[in-house]
Amino acid sequence: MEHRYLHTFQLTVDGLDQPVEFRILLELEDAAESTDTFAKYVARQEDNFLPLGETAAIRANRILRIVHVSVEGGPAN
């Protein structure tokens, strides 16, 4: 599986005043399919932490909402 598309999601986290962004590489370009894939990934994490860059992480079970923000990348022409 080749991950070609960088998706950015906005996560609403229980206990935080502001949403946070999470980036993940996926092989899917479609926003709806990618959101579904990412939501399933978060659900499987349960009590694990998701990294937010190099300096922070959030517990996956504290995520209340996932919104697809953008997608970048694709096959090289």
PDB file of N, CA and C in Angstrom:
ATOM      1  N   MET A   1       0.848  -1.176   0.000  1.00  0.00           N
ATOM      2  CA  MET A   1       0.000   0.000   0.000  1.00  0.00           C
ATOM      3  C   MET A   1       0.890   1.234   0.000  1.00  0.00           C
ATOM      4  N   GLU A   2       0.686   2.092  -0.987  1.00  0.00           N
ATOM      5  CA  GLU A   2       1.475   3.307  -1.070  1.00  0.00           C
ATOM      6  C   GLU A   2       0.646   4.487  -0.573  1.00  0.00           C
ATOM      7  N   HIS A   3       1.152   5.168   0.441  1.00  0.00           N
ATOM      8  CA  HIS A   3       0.446   6.316   1.019  1.00  0.00           C
ATOM      9  C   HIS A   3       0.878   7.572   0.276  1.00  0.00           C
ATOM     10  N   ARG A   4      -0.038   8.152  -0.475  1.00  0.00           N
ATOM     11  CA  ARG A   4       0.309   9.280  -1.324  1.00  0.00           C
ATOM     12  C   ARG A   4      -0.357  10.587  -0.949  1.00  0.00           C
ATOM     13  N   TYR A   5      -1.386  10.542  -0.145  1.00  0.00           N
ATOM     14  CA  TYR A   5      -2.166  11.742   0.131  1.00  0.00           C
ATOM     15  C   TYR A   5      -2.068  12.125   1.605  1.00  0.00           C
ATOM     16  N   LEU A   6      -1.686  13.364   1.847  1.00  0.00           N
ATOM     17  CA  LEU A   6      -1.590  13.868   3.208  1.00  0.00           C
ATOM     18  C   LEU A   6      -2.916  14.543   3.550  1.00  0.00           C
ATOM     19  N   HIS A   7      -3.644  13.937   4.473  1.00  0.00           N
ATOM     20  CA  HIS A   7      -4.937  14.467   4.903  1.00  0.00           C
ATOM     21  C   HIS A   7      -4.770  15.192   6.231  1.00  0.00           C
ATOM     22  N   THR A   8      -5.463  16.303   6.364  1.00  0.00           N
ATOM     23  CA  THR A   8      -5.496  17.049   7.609  1.00  0.00           C
ATOM     24  C   THR A   8      -6.911  16.977   8.155  1.00  0.00           C
ATOM     25  N   PHE A   9      -7.001  16.585   9.421  1.00  0.00           N
ATOM     26  CA  PHE A   9      -8.284  16.494  10.101  1.00  0.00           C
ATOM     27  C   PHE A   9      -8.279  17.438  11.289  1.00  0.00           C
ATOM     28  N   GLN A  10      -9.437  17.997  11.582  1.00  0.00           N
ATOM     29  CA  GLN A  10      -9.608  18.821  12.775  1.00  0.00           C
ATOM     30  C   GLN A  10     -10.334  17.952  13.804  1.00  0.00           C
ATOM     31  N   LEU A  11      -9.721  17.821  14.975  1.00  0.00           N
ATOM     32  CA  LEU A  11     -10.268  16.978  16.030  1.00  0.00           C
ATOM     33  C   LEU A  11     -10.791  17.830  17.170  1.00  0.00           C
ATOM     34  N   THR A  12     -12.023  17.593  17.553  1.00  0.00           N
ATOM     35  CA  THR A  12     -12.571  18.202  18.759  1.00  0.00           C
ATOM     36  C   THR A  12     -12.313  17.209  19.883  1.00  0.00           C
ATOM     37  N   VAL A  13     -11.578  17.677  20.897  1.00  0.00           N
ATOM     38  CA  VAL A  13     -11.130  16.804  21.980  1.00  0.00           C
ATOM     39  C   VAL A  13     -11.785  17.239  23.286  1.00  0.00           C
ATOM     40  N   ASP A  14     -12.370  16.279  23.991  1.00  0.00           N
ATOM     41  CA  ASP A  14     -12.984  16.541  25.285  1.00  0.00           C
ATOM     42  C   ASP A  14     -11.939  17.129  26.231  1.00  0.00           C
ATOM     43  N   GLY A  15     -12.254  18.278  26.800  1.00  0.00           N
ATOM     44  CA  GLY A  15     -11.354  18.919  27.749  1.00  0.00           C
ATOM     45  C   GLY A  15     -10.483  20.014  27.156  1.00  0.00           C
ATOM     46  N   LEU A  16     -10.483  20.170  25.833  1.00  0.00           N
ATOM     47  CA  LEU A  16      -9.716  21.244  25.195  1.00  0.00           C
ATOM     48  C   LEU A  16     -10.665  22.303  24.663  1.00  0.00           C
ATOM     49  N   ASP A  17     -10.281  23.564  24.815  1.00  0.00           N
ATOM     50  CA  ASP A  17     -11.118  24.674  24.352  1.00  0.00           C
ATOM     51  C   ASP A  17     -11.152  24.804  22.836  1.00  0.00           C
ATOM     52  N   GLN A  18     -10.039  24.477  22.189  1.00  0.00           N
ATOM     53  CA  GLN A  18      -9.918  24.648  20.747  1.00  0.00           C
ATOM     54  C   GLN A  18      -9.686  23.301  20.060  1.00  0.00           C
ATOM     55  N   PRO A  19     -10.202  23.141  18.840  1.00  0.00           N
ATOM     56  CA  PRO A  19      -9.897  21.924  18.079  1.00  0.00           C
ATOM     57  C   PRO A  19      -8.396  21.866  17.765  1.00  0.00           C
ATOM     58  N   VAL A  20      -7.908  20.670  17.513  1.00  0.00           N
ATOM     59  CA  VAL A  20      -6.513  20.473  17.137  1.00  0.00           C
ATOM     60  C   VAL A  20      -6.478  19.794  15.774  1.00  0.00           C
ATOM     61  N   GLU A  21      -5.373  19.968  15.056  1.00  0.00           N
ATOM     62  CA  GLU A  21      -5.224  19.341  13.756  1.00  0.00           C
ATOM     63  C   GLU A  21      -4.378  18.091  13.859  1.00  0.00           C
ATOM     64  N   PHE A  22      -4.723  17.104  13.040  1.00  0.00           N
ATOM     65  CA  PHE A  22      -3.989  15.847  12.968  1.00  0.00           C
ATOM     66  C   PHE A  22      -3.774  15.543  11.496  1.00  0.00           C
ATOM     67  N   ARG A  23      -2.544  15.210  11.133  1.00  0.00           N
ATOM     68  CA  ARG A  23      -2.214  14.881   9.745  1.00  0.00           C
ATOM     69  C   ARG A  23      -1.858  13.410   9.646  1.00  0.00           C
ATOM     70  N   ILE A  24      -2.325  12.785   8.567  1.00  0.00           N
ATOM     71  CA  ILE A  24      -2.041  11.372   8.354  1.00  0.00           C
ATOM     72  C   ILE A  24      -1.943  11.110   6.849  1.00  0.00           C
ATOM     73  N   LEU A  25      -1.004  10.261   6.475  1.00  0.00           N
ATOM     74  CA  LEU A  25      -0.861   9.853   5.086  1.00  0.00           C
ATOM     75  C   LEU A  25      -1.759   8.653   4.814  1.00  0.00           C
ATOM     76  N   LEU A  26      -2.550   8.747   3.759  1.00  0.00           N
ATOM     77  CA  LEU A  26      -3.448   7.665   3.358  1.00  0.00           C
ATOM     78  C   LEU A  26      -3.326   7.453   1.860  1.00  0.00           C
ATOM     79  N   GLU A  27      -3.696   6.281   1.391  1.00  0.00           N
ATOM     80  CA  GLU A  27      -3.666   6.022  -0.052  1.00  0.00           C
ATOM     81  C   GLU A  27      -4.905   6.558  -0.752  1.00  0.00           C
ATOM     82  N   LEU A  28      -5.903   6.982   0.011  1.00  0.00           N
ATOM     83  CA  LEU A  28      -7.162   7.487  -0.535  1.00  0.00           C
ATOM     84  C   LEU A  28      -7.110   8.993  -0.727  1.00  0.00           C
ATOM     85  N   GLU A  29      -7.691   9.475  -1.825  1.00  0.00           N
ATOM     86  CA  GLU A  29      -7.789  10.911  -2.040  1.00  0.00           C
ATOM     87  C   GLU A  29      -9.145  11.443  -1.580  1.00  0.00           C
ATOM     88  N   ASP A  30     -10.184  10.654  -1.725  1.00  0.00           N
ATOM     89  CA  ASP A  30     -11.550  11.065  -1.421  1.00  0.00           C
ATOM     90  C   ASP A  30     -11.721  11.436   0.054  1.00  0.00           C
ATOM     91  N   ALA A  31     -12.307  12.602   0.310  1.00  0.00           N
ATOM     92  CA  ALA A  31     -12.466  13.090   1.679  1.00  0.00           C
ATOM     93  C   ALA A  31     -13.385  12.205   2.515  1.00  0.00           C
ATOM     94  N   ALA A  32     -14.512  11.782   1.947  1.00  0.00           N
ATOM     95  CA  ALA A  32     -15.467  10.960   2.712  1.00  0.00           C
ATOM     96  C   ALA A  32     -14.863   9.605   3.088  1.00  0.00           C
ATOM     97  N   GLU A  33     -14.230   8.948   2.124  1.00  0.00           N
ATOM     98  CA  GLU A  33     -13.613   7.654   2.407  1.00  0.00           C
ATOM     99  C   GLU A  33     -12.459   7.798   3.402  1.00  0.00           C
ATOM    100  N   SER A  34     -11.694   8.862   3.254  1.00  0.00           N
ATOM    101  CA  SER A  34     -10.567   9.090   4.157  1.00  0.00           C
ATOM    102  C   SER A  34     -11.036   9.381   5.574  1.00  0.00           C
ATOM    103  N   THR A  35     -12.113  10.147   5.698  1.00  0.00           N
ATOM    104  CA  THR A  35     -12.659  10.434   7.021  1.00  0.00           C
ATOM    105  C   THR A  35     -13.145   9.152   7.681  1.00  0.00           C
ATOM    106  N   ASP A  36     -13.817   8.303   6.920  1.00  0.00           N
ATOM    107  CA  ASP A  36     -14.277   7.017   7.446  1.00  0.00           C
ATOM    108  C   ASP A  36     -13.093   6.154   7.878  1.00  0.00           C
ATOM    109  N   THR A  37     -12.063   6.087   7.054  1.00  0.00           N
ATOM    110  CA  THR A  37     -10.868   5.312   7.380  1.00  0.00           C
ATOM    111  C   THR A  37     -10.198   5.840   8.639  1.00  0.00           C
ATOM    112  N   PHE A  38     -10.062   7.161   8.741  1.00  0.00           N
ATOM    113  CA  PHE A  38      -9.419   7.752   9.908  1.00  0.00           C
ATOM    114  C   PHE A  38     -10.255   7.550  11.164  1.00  0.00           C
ATOM    115  N   ALA A  39     -11.572   7.698  11.059  1.00  0.00           N
ATOM    116  CA  ALA A  39     -12.451   7.485  12.221  1.00  0.00           C
ATOM    117  C   ALA A  39     -12.329   6.052  12.736  1.00  0.00           C
ATOM    118  N   LYS A  40     -12.264   5.088  11.830  1.00  0.00           N
ATOM    119  CA  LYS A  40     -12.078   3.688  12.235  1.00  0.00           C
ATOM    120  C   LYS A  40     -10.720   3.479  12.888  1.00  0.00           C
ATOM    121  N   TYR A  41      -9.692   4.157  12.360  1.00  0.00           N
ATOM    122  CA  TYR A  41      -8.353   4.083  12.962  1.00  0.00           C
ATOM    123  C   TYR A  41      -8.382   4.611  14.396  1.00  0.00           C
ATOM    124  N   VAL A  42      -9.021   5.762  14.600  1.00  0.00           N
ATOM    125  CA  VAL A  42      -9.118   6.348  15.942  1.00  0.00           C
ATOM    126  C   VAL A  42      -9.880   5.405  16.875  1.00  0.00           C
ATOM    127  N   ALA A  43     -10.967   4.832  16.401  1.00  0.00           N
ATOM    128  CA  ALA A  43     -11.769   3.921  17.229  1.00  0.00           C
ATOM    129  C   ALA A  43     -10.949   2.700  17.663  1.00  0.00           C
ATOM    130  N   ARG A  44     -10.076   2.211  16.809  1.00  0.00           N
ATOM    131  CA  ARG A  44      -9.241   1.056  17.158  1.00  0.00           C
ATOM    132  C   ARG A  44      -8.174   1.407  18.192  1.00  0.00           C
ATOM    133  N   GLN A  45      -7.837   2.680  18.313  1.00  0.00           N
ATOM    134  CA  GLN A  45      -6.771   3.091  19.232  1.00  0.00           C
ATOM    135  C   GLN A  45      -7.199   3.036  20.694  1.00  0.00           C
ATOM    136  N   GLU A  46      -8.482   3.165  20.960  1.00  0.00           N
ATOM    137  CA  GLU A  46      -9.058   3.139  22.303  1.00  0.00           C
ATOM    138  C   GLU A  46      -8.290   4.007  23.286  1.00  0.00           C
ATOM    139  N   ASP A  47      -7.465   3.412  24.141  1.00  0.00           N
ATOM    140  CA  ASP A  47      -6.746   4.182  25.160  1.00  0.00           C
ATOM    141  C   ASP A  47      -5.342   4.594  24.740  1.00  0.00           C
ATOM    142  N   ASN A  48      -4.988   4.390  23.502  1.00  0.00           N
ATOM    143  CA  ASN A  48      -3.676   4.806  23.014  1.00  0.00           C
ATOM    144  C   ASN A  48      -3.682   6.292  22.718  1.00  0.00           C
ATOM    145  N   PHE A  49      -2.505   6.835  22.574  1.00  0.00           N
ATOM    146  CA  PHE A  49      -2.351   8.253  22.267  1.00  0.00           C
ATOM    147  C   PHE A  49      -2.059   8.452  20.789  1.00  0.00           C
ATOM    148  N   LEU A  50      -2.605   9.523  20.227  1.00  0.00           N
ATOM    149  CA  LEU A  50      -2.303   9.926  18.860  1.00  0.00           C
ATOM    150  C   LEU A  50      -1.325  11.087  18.919  1.00  0.00           C
ATOM    151  N   PRO A  51      -0.222  11.019  18.190  1.00  0.00           N
ATOM    152  CA  PRO A  51       0.751  12.113  18.223  1.00  0.00           C
ATOM    153  C   PRO A  51       0.236  13.344  17.492  1.00  0.00           C
ATOM    154  N   LEU A  52       0.510  14.495  18.050  1.00  0.00           N
ATOM    155  CA  LEU A  52       0.217  15.782  17.412  1.00  0.00           C
ATOM    156  C   LEU A  52       1.556  16.460  17.184  1.00  0.00           C
ATOM    157  N   GLY A  53       2.189  16.150  16.099  1.00  0.00           N
ATOM    158  CA  GLY A  53       3.520  16.663  15.837  1.00  0.00           C
ATOM    159  C   GLY A  53       4.537  15.960  16.723  1.00  0.00           C
ATOM    160  N   GLU A  54       5.604  16.649  17.051  1.00  0.00           N
ATOM    161  CA  GLU A  54       6.687  16.059  17.833  1.00  0.00           C
ATOM    162  C   GLU A  54       6.577  16.358  19.324  1.00  0.00           C
ATOM    163  N   THR A  55       5.681  17.262  19.711  1.00  0.00           N
ATOM    164  CA  THR A  55       5.692  17.727  21.097  1.00  0.00           C
ATOM    165  C   THR A  55       4.408  17.481  21.873  1.00  0.00           C
ATOM    166  N   ALA A  56       3.437  16.821  21.269  1.00  0.00           N
ATOM    167  CA  ALA A  56       2.172  16.620  21.971  1.00  0.00           C
ATOM    168  C   ALA A  56       1.485  15.349  21.499  1.00  0.00           C
ATOM    169  N   ALA A  57       0.551  14.878  22.316  1.00  0.00           N
ATOM    170  CA  ALA A  57      -0.269  13.718  21.967  1.00  0.00           C
ATOM    171  C   ALA A  57      -1.595  13.840  22.703  1.00  0.00           C
ATOM    172  N   ILE A  58      -2.613  13.186  22.157  1.00  0.00           N
ATOM    173  CA  ILE A  58      -3.923  13.172  22.809  1.00  0.00           C
ATOM    174  C   ILE A  58      -4.406  11.732  22.901  1.00  0.00           C
ATOM    175  N   ARG A  59      -5.156  11.447  23.941  1.00  0.00           N
ATOM    176  CA  ARG A  59      -5.721  10.103  24.110  1.00  0.00           C
ATOM    177  C   ARG A  59      -6.872   9.938  23.118  1.00  0.00           C
ATOM    178  N   ALA A  60      -6.833   8.883  22.349  1.00  0.00           N
ATOM    179  CA  ALA A  60      -7.801   8.669  21.274  1.00  0.00           C
ATOM    180  C   ALA A  60      -9.244   8.624  21.782  1.00  0.00           C
ATOM    181  N   ASN A  61      -9.472   8.101  22.974  1.00  0.00           N
ATOM    182  CA  ASN A  61     -10.852   7.996  23.455  1.00  0.00           C
ATOM    183  C   ASN A  61     -11.425   9.343  23.903  1.00  0.00           C
ATOM    184  N   ARG A  62     -10.663  10.414  23.818  1.00  0.00           N
ATOM    185  CA  ARG A  62     -11.143  11.761  24.172  1.00  0.00           C
ATOM    186  C   ARG A  62     -11.615  12.538  22.942  1.00  0.00           C
ATOM    187  N   ILE A  63     -11.488  11.957  21.762  1.00  0.00           N
ATOM    188  CA  ILE A  63     -11.890  12.632  20.531  1.00  0.00           C
ATOM    189  C   ILE A  63     -13.404  12.538  20.368  1.00  0.00           C
ATOM    190  N   LEU A  64     -14.037  13.698  20.243  1.00  0.00           N
ATOM    191  CA  LEU A  64     -15.488  13.768  20.135  1.00  0.00           C
ATOM    192  C   LEU A  64     -15.973  13.968  18.702  1.00  0.00           C
ATOM    193  N   ARG A  65     -15.138  14.597  17.876  1.00  0.00           N
ATOM    194  CA  ARG A  65     -15.558  14.929  16.518  1.00  0.00           C
ATOM    195  C   ARG A  65     -14.350  14.968  15.601  1.00  0.00           C
ATOM    196  N   ILE A  66     -14.548  14.501  14.373  1.00  0.00           N
ATOM    197  CA  ILE A  66     -13.505  14.506  13.353  1.00  0.00           C
ATOM    198  C   ILE A  66     -14.045  15.221  12.121  1.00  0.00           C
ATOM    199  N   VAL A  67     -13.319  16.231  11.637  1.00  0.00           N
ATOM    200  CA  VAL A  67     -13.709  16.973  10.445  1.00  0.00           C
ATOM    201  C   VAL A  67     -12.545  16.946   9.464  1.00  0.00           C
ATOM    202  N   HIS A  68     -12.808  16.562   8.221  1.00  0.00           N
ATOM    203  CA  HIS A  68     -11.771  16.576   7.181  1.00  0.00           C
ATOM    204  C   HIS A  68     -11.547  18.018   6.766  1.00  0.00           C
ATOM    205  N   VAL A  69     -10.289  18.467   6.808  1.00  0.00           N
ATOM    206  CA  VAL A  69      -9.965  19.857   6.474  1.00  0.00           C
ATOM    207  C   VAL A  69      -9.397  19.973   5.071  1.00  0.00           C
ATOM    208  N   SER A  70      -8.420  19.107   4.742  1.00  0.00           N
ATOM    209  CA  SER A  70      -7.775  19.227   3.440  1.00  0.00           C
ATOM    210  C   SER A  70      -7.043  17.944   3.072  1.00  0.00           C
ATOM    211  N   VAL A  71      -6.666  17.868   1.791  1.00  0.00           N
ATOM    212  CA  VAL A  71      -5.850  16.774   1.285  1.00  0.00           C
ATOM    213  C   VAL A  71      -4.824  17.362   0.330  1.00  0.00           C
ATOM    214  N   GLU A  72      -3.600  16.864   0.436  1.00  0.00           N
ATOM    215  CA  GLU A  72      -2.504  17.319  -0.424  1.00  0.00           C
ATOM    216  C   GLU A  72      -1.829  16.105  -1.032  1.00  0.00           C
ATOM    217  N   GLY A  73      -1.175  16.320  -2.148  1.00  0.00           N
ATOM    218  CA  GLY A  73      -0.392  15.253  -2.742  1.00  0.00           C
ATOM    219  C   GLY A  73      -1.106  14.588  -3.886  1.00  0.00           C
ATOM    220  N   GLY A  74      -0.591  13.436  -4.232  1.00  0.00           N
ATOM    221  CA  GLY A  74      -1.140  12.677  -5.336  1.00  0.00           C
ATOM    222  C   GLY A  74      -0.014  12.128  -6.175  1.00  0.00           C
ATOM    223  N   PRO A  75      -0.347  11.388  -7.215  1.00  0.00           N
ATOM    224  CA  PRO A  75       0.685  10.812  -8.068  1.00  0.00           C
ATOM    225  C   PRO A  75       1.486  11.892  -8.783  1.00  0.00           C
ATOM    226  N   ALA A  76       2.771  11.634  -8.922  1.00  0.00           N
ATOM    227  CA  ALA A  76       3.634  12.577  -9.654  1.00  0.00           C
ATOM    228  C   ALA A  76       3.317  12.499 -11.131  1.00  0.00           C
ATOM    229  N   ASN A  77       3.277  13.649 -11.777  1.00  0.00           N
ATOM    230  CA  ASN A  77       2.986  13.690 -13.224  1.00  0.00           C
ATOM    231  C   ASN A  77       4.248  13.582 -14.013  1.00  0.00           C
TER     232      ASN A  77
END
